[in-house]
Amino acid sequence: MFSIVRAFAIILLALVGGKAVAYLLPFNFPASIIGMLVLFIGFNTGVVKVHWVQPGAHYLLKYMALLFIPIGVGLINYFDLVIAQWPALLASITFGTFIVMAIVGHVFQRINPRD
């Protein structure tokens, strides 16, 4: 039980750190992304150990599908707008996915070069 509480506390501290950094920035940037970067830096520097966060992260990933239900239900309120704008939505989802896949693949190849 302590390991899950510790994991959630570390994840929450990373999010709070991300919110603090986002508040200090002169432009808008998602605090959750900055929080993930804070957690990533913690992992890379050794300040945060992976096995400290793993139980809570496993629990969150296990039930992640449930976290999308409120978004899906809220989307019903804007169903007419979604139907009216479906070509733009489909294009942005498709091209956005391919762009992200290409960038992640390129970065992975740069980080892990072949011998």
N, C-alpha and C. Protein backbone atom coordinates (compact mmCIF):
# COMPACT_ATOMS: atom_id res chain seq x y z
N MET A 1 0.83 -1.20 0.00
CA MET A 1 0.00 0.00 0.00
C MET A 1 0.86 1.26 0.00
N PHE A 2 1.95 1.22 0.79
CA PHE A 2 2.83 2.38 0.85
C PHE A 2 3.46 2.69 -0.50
N SER A 3 3.77 1.65 -1.27
CA SER A 3 4.42 1.87 -2.56
C SER A 3 3.48 2.60 -3.53
N ILE A 4 2.19 2.30 -3.49
CA ILE A 4 1.24 2.98 -4.37
C ILE A 4 1.06 4.43 -3.94
N VAL A 5 1.00 4.66 -2.63
CA VAL A 5 0.86 6.04 -2.13
C VAL A 5 2.10 6.85 -2.50
N ARG A 6 3.28 6.23 -2.33
CA ARG A 6 4.52 6.93 -2.69
C ARG A 6 4.56 7.23 -4.18
N ALA A 7 4.12 6.28 -5.00
CA ALA A 7 4.12 6.49 -6.46
C ALA A 7 3.19 7.64 -6.83
N PHE A 8 1.98 7.64 -6.28
CA PHE A 8 1.06 8.72 -6.58
C PHE A 8 1.57 10.06 -6.07
N ALA A 9 2.24 10.06 -4.92
CA ALA A 9 2.80 11.30 -4.39
C ALA A 9 3.89 11.84 -5.32
N ILE A 10 4.73 10.97 -5.83
CA ILE A 10 5.79 11.42 -6.75
C ILE A 10 5.19 11.96 -8.04
N ILE A 11 4.20 11.25 -8.58
CA ILE A 11 3.54 11.71 -9.81
C ILE A 11 2.87 13.05 -9.57
N LEU A 12 2.20 13.19 -8.42
CA LEU A 12 1.52 14.45 -8.10
C LEU A 12 2.53 15.57 -7.90
N LEU A 13 3.66 15.29 -7.26
CA LEU A 13 4.70 16.32 -7.09
C LEU A 13 5.27 16.77 -8.44
N ALA A 14 5.43 15.83 -9.36
CA ALA A 14 5.90 16.20 -10.70
C ALA A 14 4.88 17.10 -11.39
N LEU A 15 3.59 16.79 -11.22
CA LEU A 15 2.54 17.63 -11.81
C LEU A 15 2.53 19.01 -11.18
N VAL A 16 2.65 19.08 -9.86
CA VAL A 16 2.68 20.38 -9.17
C VAL A 16 3.91 21.18 -9.61
N GLY A 17 5.05 20.50 -9.76
CA GLY A 17 6.24 21.19 -10.28
C GLY A 17 6.02 21.71 -11.69
N GLY A 18 5.34 20.92 -12.52
CA GLY A 18 5.01 21.36 -13.87
C GLY A 18 4.07 22.56 -13.86
N LYS A 19 3.11 22.56 -12.95
CA LYS A 19 2.19 23.70 -12.84
C LYS A 19 2.94 24.95 -12.40
N ALA A 20 3.90 24.79 -11.49
CA ALA A 20 4.68 25.95 -11.03
C ALA A 20 5.52 26.52 -12.17
N VAL A 21 6.15 25.64 -12.94
CA VAL A 21 6.97 26.11 -14.07
C VAL A 21 6.07 26.76 -15.12
N ALA A 22 4.92 26.16 -15.40
CA ALA A 22 3.99 26.73 -16.39
C ALA A 22 3.49 28.09 -15.96
N TYR A 23 3.29 28.27 -14.66
CA TYR A 23 2.84 29.57 -14.13
C TYR A 23 3.91 30.64 -14.33
N LEU A 24 5.17 30.24 -14.22
CA LEU A 24 6.27 31.20 -14.35
C LEU A 24 6.61 31.54 -15.80
N LEU A 25 6.20 30.70 -16.73
CA LEU A 25 6.53 30.96 -18.14
C LEU A 25 5.73 32.16 -18.67
N PRO A 26 6.33 32.95 -19.55
CA PRO A 26 5.62 34.11 -20.10
C PRO A 26 4.61 33.74 -21.20
N PHE A 27 4.49 32.47 -21.53
CA PHE A 27 3.55 32.01 -22.55
C PHE A 27 2.81 30.78 -22.01
N ASN A 28 1.70 30.46 -22.63
CA ASN A 28 0.91 29.30 -22.20
C ASN A 28 1.54 28.01 -22.69
N PHE A 29 1.67 27.06 -21.76
CA PHE A 29 2.19 25.73 -22.09
C PHE A 29 1.54 24.76 -21.13
N PRO A 30 1.14 23.57 -21.60
CA PRO A 30 0.44 22.63 -20.72
C PRO A 30 1.30 22.19 -19.53
N ALA A 31 0.76 22.38 -18.35
CA ALA A 31 1.50 22.02 -17.14
C ALA A 31 1.73 20.52 -17.04
N SER A 32 0.83 19.72 -17.58
CA SER A 32 1.01 18.27 -17.50
C SER A 32 2.21 17.82 -18.32
N ILE A 33 2.45 18.48 -19.45
CA ILE A 33 3.63 18.14 -20.26
C ILE A 33 4.90 18.53 -19.52
N ILE A 34 4.89 19.68 -18.91
CA ILE A 34 6.06 20.10 -18.13
C ILE A 34 6.26 19.17 -16.95
N GLY A 35 5.16 18.72 -16.33
CA GLY A 35 5.26 17.76 -15.24
C GLY A 35 5.88 16.46 -15.68
N MET A 36 5.52 15.99 -16.88
CA MET A 36 6.15 14.77 -17.40
C MET A 36 7.63 14.99 -17.65
N LEU A 37 8.00 16.19 -18.11
CA LEU A 37 9.42 16.49 -18.30
C LEU A 37 10.15 16.53 -16.96
N VAL A 38 9.49 17.08 -15.94
CA VAL A 38 10.09 17.10 -14.60
C VAL A 38 10.32 15.67 -14.11
N LEU A 39 9.34 14.80 -14.30
CA LEU A 39 9.49 13.41 -13.91
C LEU A 39 10.59 12.72 -14.72
N PHE A 40 10.66 13.01 -16.01
CA PHE A 40 11.70 12.45 -16.87
C PHE A 40 13.08 12.89 -16.41
N ILE A 41 13.22 14.15 -16.08
CA ILE A 41 14.51 14.65 -15.58
C ILE A 41 14.85 13.98 -14.25
N GLY A 42 13.83 13.79 -13.41
CA GLY A 42 14.06 13.08 -12.15
C GLY A 42 14.56 11.67 -12.36
N PHE A 43 13.99 10.98 -13.36
CA PHE A 43 14.45 9.62 -13.68
C PHE A 43 15.89 9.64 -14.19
N ASN A 44 16.18 10.56 -15.10
CA ASN A 44 17.52 10.59 -15.71
C ASN A 44 18.61 10.99 -14.73
N THR A 45 18.29 11.85 -13.79
CA THR A 45 19.29 12.28 -12.82
C THR A 45 19.43 11.30 -11.66
N GLY A 46 18.49 10.38 -11.53
CA GLY A 46 18.55 9.41 -10.45
C GLY A 46 17.88 9.88 -9.17
N VAL A 47 17.30 11.07 -9.19
CA VAL A 47 16.59 11.58 -8.01
C VAL A 47 15.36 10.73 -7.74
N VAL A 48 14.70 10.29 -8.80
CA VAL A 48 13.51 9.44 -8.70
C VAL A 48 13.87 8.08 -9.30
N LYS A 49 13.60 7.04 -8.57
CA LYS A 49 13.85 5.68 -9.05
C LYS A 49 12.58 5.15 -9.72
N VAL A 50 12.76 4.40 -10.78
CA VAL A 50 11.63 3.87 -11.55
C VAL A 50 10.76 2.97 -10.67
N HIS A 51 11.39 2.16 -9.84
CA HIS A 51 10.60 1.23 -9.02
C HIS A 51 9.77 1.95 -7.95
N TRP A 52 10.06 3.23 -7.69
CA TRP A 52 9.22 4.02 -6.79
C TRP A 52 7.89 4.39 -7.44
N VAL A 53 7.93 4.65 -8.75
CA VAL A 53 6.76 5.15 -9.47
C VAL A 53 5.99 4.02 -10.15
N GLN A 54 6.63 2.90 -10.38
CA GLN A 54 6.04 1.83 -11.17
C GLN A 54 4.71 1.30 -10.62
N PRO A 55 4.52 1.09 -9.32
CA PRO A 55 3.21 0.57 -8.87
C PRO A 55 2.05 1.52 -9.17
N GLY A 56 2.24 2.79 -8.96
CA GLY A 56 1.18 3.75 -9.25
C GLY A 56 0.95 3.93 -10.73
N ALA A 57 2.02 3.91 -11.50
CA ALA A 57 1.89 4.05 -12.95
C ALA A 57 1.18 2.83 -13.53
N HIS A 58 1.49 1.66 -13.01
CA HIS A 58 0.81 0.44 -13.47
C HIS A 58 -0.68 0.53 -13.18
N TYR A 59 -1.03 0.99 -12.00
CA TYR A 59 -2.43 1.14 -11.60
C TYR A 59 -3.15 2.14 -12.52
N LEU A 60 -2.50 3.28 -12.80
CA LEU A 60 -3.11 4.28 -13.69
C LEU A 60 -3.28 3.75 -15.11
N LEU A 61 -2.28 3.05 -15.61
CA LEU A 61 -2.38 2.50 -16.96
C LEU A 61 -3.44 1.41 -17.06
N LYS A 62 -3.60 0.65 -15.99
CA LYS A 62 -4.59 -0.43 -15.98
C LYS A 62 -6.00 0.12 -16.15
N TYR A 63 -6.28 1.27 -15.56
CA TYR A 63 -7.63 1.85 -15.59
C TYR A 63 -7.70 3.11 -16.45
N MET A 64 -6.75 3.29 -17.35
CA MET A 64 -6.71 4.51 -18.16
C MET A 64 -7.94 4.66 -19.05
N ALA A 65 -8.49 3.57 -19.54
CA ALA A 65 -9.67 3.65 -20.41
C ALA A 65 -10.84 4.31 -19.69
N LEU A 66 -10.95 4.10 -18.39
CA LEU A 66 -12.03 4.73 -17.64
C LEU A 66 -11.90 6.25 -17.60
N LEU A 67 -10.67 6.75 -17.72
CA LEU A 67 -10.46 8.19 -17.67
C LEU A 67 -10.95 8.89 -18.93
N PHE A 68 -11.18 8.14 -20.01
CA PHE A 68 -11.65 8.73 -21.25
C PHE A 68 -13.17 8.77 -21.34
N ILE A 69 -13.87 8.11 -20.45
CA ILE A 69 -15.33 8.10 -20.50
C ILE A 69 -15.92 9.50 -20.33
N PRO A 70 -15.49 10.31 -19.37
CA PRO A 70 -16.08 11.66 -19.26
C PRO A 70 -15.85 12.51 -20.51
N ILE A 71 -14.72 12.35 -21.15
CA ILE A 71 -14.44 13.11 -22.37
C ILE A 71 -15.39 12.67 -23.48
N GLY A 72 -15.58 11.37 -23.61
CA GLY A 72 -16.49 10.85 -24.64
C GLY A 72 -17.92 11.28 -24.41
N VAL A 73 -18.35 11.26 -23.16
CA VAL A 73 -19.71 11.70 -22.84
C VAL A 73 -19.86 13.19 -23.09
N GLY A 74 -18.84 13.97 -22.73
CA GLY A 74 -18.89 15.41 -22.97
C GLY A 74 -18.89 15.75 -24.45
N LEU A 75 -18.30 14.89 -25.26
CA LEU A 75 -18.25 15.11 -26.70
C LEU A 75 -19.64 15.03 -27.32
N ILE A 76 -20.53 14.31 -26.69
CA ILE A 76 -21.90 14.19 -27.20
C ILE A 76 -22.58 15.56 -27.24
N ASN A 77 -22.22 16.44 -26.34
CA ASN A 77 -22.81 17.79 -26.33
C ASN A 77 -22.46 18.56 -27.60
N TYR A 78 -21.36 18.23 -28.23
CA TYR A 78 -20.89 18.94 -29.42
C TYR A 78 -20.95 18.06 -30.66
N PHE A 79 -21.87 17.10 -30.69
CA PHE A 79 -21.96 16.16 -31.79
C PHE A 79 -22.22 16.85 -33.12
N ASP A 80 -23.08 17.88 -33.14
CA ASP A 80 -23.35 18.61 -34.38
C ASP A 80 -22.09 19.28 -34.92
N LEU A 81 -21.30 19.85 -34.03
CA LEU A 81 -20.06 20.49 -34.44
C LEU A 81 -19.06 19.45 -34.97
N VAL A 82 -19.00 18.30 -34.34
CA VAL A 82 -18.10 17.23 -34.80
C VAL A 82 -18.51 16.77 -36.20
N ILE A 83 -19.80 16.59 -36.42
CA ILE A 83 -20.29 16.17 -37.74
C ILE A 83 -19.98 17.23 -38.79
N ALA A 84 -20.13 18.49 -38.43
CA ALA A 84 -19.87 19.57 -39.39
C ALA A 84 -18.39 19.70 -39.73
N GLN A 85 -17.53 19.35 -38.78
CA GLN A 85 -16.09 19.56 -38.98
C GLN A 85 -15.32 18.24 -39.13
N TRP A 86 -15.98 17.15 -39.48
CA TRP A 86 -15.31 15.85 -39.51
C TRP A 86 -14.15 15.77 -40.48
N PRO A 87 -14.18 16.43 -41.66
CA PRO A 87 -12.99 16.31 -42.53
C PRO A 87 -11.74 16.93 -41.90
N ALA A 88 -11.91 18.09 -41.27
CA ALA A 88 -10.76 18.73 -40.63
C ALA A 88 -10.27 17.90 -39.45
N LEU A 89 -11.19 17.33 -38.68
CA LEU A 89 -10.80 16.49 -37.55
C LEU A 89 -10.06 15.24 -38.03
N LEU A 90 -10.59 14.60 -39.05
CA LEU A 90 -9.96 13.39 -39.57
C LEU A 90 -8.57 13.69 -40.13
N ALA A 91 -8.44 14.79 -40.86
CA ALA A 91 -7.13 15.17 -41.42
C ALA A 91 -6.13 15.48 -40.31
N SER A 92 -6.55 16.23 -39.30
CA SER A 92 -5.61 16.58 -38.24
C SER A 92 -5.22 15.36 -37.41
N ILE A 93 -6.16 14.45 -37.17
CA ILE A 93 -5.83 13.23 -36.43
C ILE A 93 -4.86 12.36 -37.24
N THR A 94 -5.15 12.20 -38.53
CA THR A 94 -4.30 11.35 -39.37
C THR A 94 -2.91 11.92 -39.53
N PHE A 95 -2.82 13.18 -39.97
CA PHE A 95 -1.50 13.77 -40.18
C PHE A 95 -0.76 13.98 -38.87
N GLY A 96 -1.47 14.34 -37.82
CA GLY A 96 -0.84 14.50 -36.52
C GLY A 96 -0.21 13.20 -36.03
N THR A 97 -0.94 12.10 -36.23
CA THR A 97 -0.41 10.80 -35.82
C THR A 97 0.85 10.46 -36.59
N PHE A 98 0.84 10.66 -37.91
CA PHE A 98 2.02 10.34 -38.71
C PHE A 98 3.20 11.25 -38.37
N ILE A 99 2.93 12.52 -38.10
CA ILE A 99 4.01 13.43 -37.73
C ILE A 99 4.64 13.02 -36.41
N VAL A 100 3.80 12.69 -35.42
CA VAL A 100 4.32 12.26 -34.12
C VAL A 100 5.11 10.97 -34.26
N MET A 101 4.59 10.01 -35.05
CA MET A 101 5.32 8.76 -35.24
C MET A 101 6.66 9.00 -35.91
N ALA A 102 6.71 9.89 -36.89
CA ALA A 102 7.97 10.17 -37.57
C ALA A 102 8.97 10.85 -36.63
N ILE A 103 8.51 11.78 -35.83
CA ILE A 103 9.41 12.48 -34.91
C ILE A 103 9.92 11.52 -33.84
N VAL A 104 9.03 10.71 -33.27
CA VAL A 104 9.46 9.76 -32.24
C VAL A 104 10.44 8.75 -32.83
N GLY A 105 10.18 8.26 -34.04
CA GLY A 105 11.10 7.33 -34.68
C GLY A 105 12.46 7.95 -34.93
N HIS A 106 12.45 9.19 -35.39
CA HIS A 106 13.71 9.88 -35.65
C HIS A 106 14.49 10.11 -34.36
N VAL A 107 13.82 10.57 -33.33
CA VAL A 107 14.49 10.80 -32.04
C VAL A 107 15.02 9.49 -31.47
N PHE A 108 14.23 8.41 -31.57
CA PHE A 108 14.69 7.12 -31.08
C PHE A 108 15.94 6.65 -31.81
N GLN A 109 15.97 6.83 -33.13
CA GLN A 109 17.14 6.44 -33.90
C GLN A 109 18.35 7.29 -33.55
N ARG A 110 18.13 8.56 -33.22
CA ARG A 110 19.25 9.42 -32.81
C ARG A 110 19.77 9.04 -31.43
N ILE A 111 18.85 8.66 -30.53
CA ILE A 111 19.26 8.30 -29.18
C ILE A 111 19.92 6.93 -29.15
N ASN A 112 19.41 5.99 -29.94
CA ASN A 112 19.91 4.62 -29.97
C ASN A 112 20.46 4.28 -31.35
N PRO A 113 21.64 4.77 -31.68
CA PRO A 113 22.20 4.47 -33.00
C PRO A 113 22.60 3.00 -33.11
N ARG A 114 22.54 2.48 -34.33
CA ARG A 114 22.97 1.10 -34.56
C ARG A 114 24.46 1.01 -34.49
N ASP A 115 24.95 -0.15 -34.06
CA ASP A 115 26.41 -0.34 -33.96
C ASP A 115 27.02 -0.61 -35.30
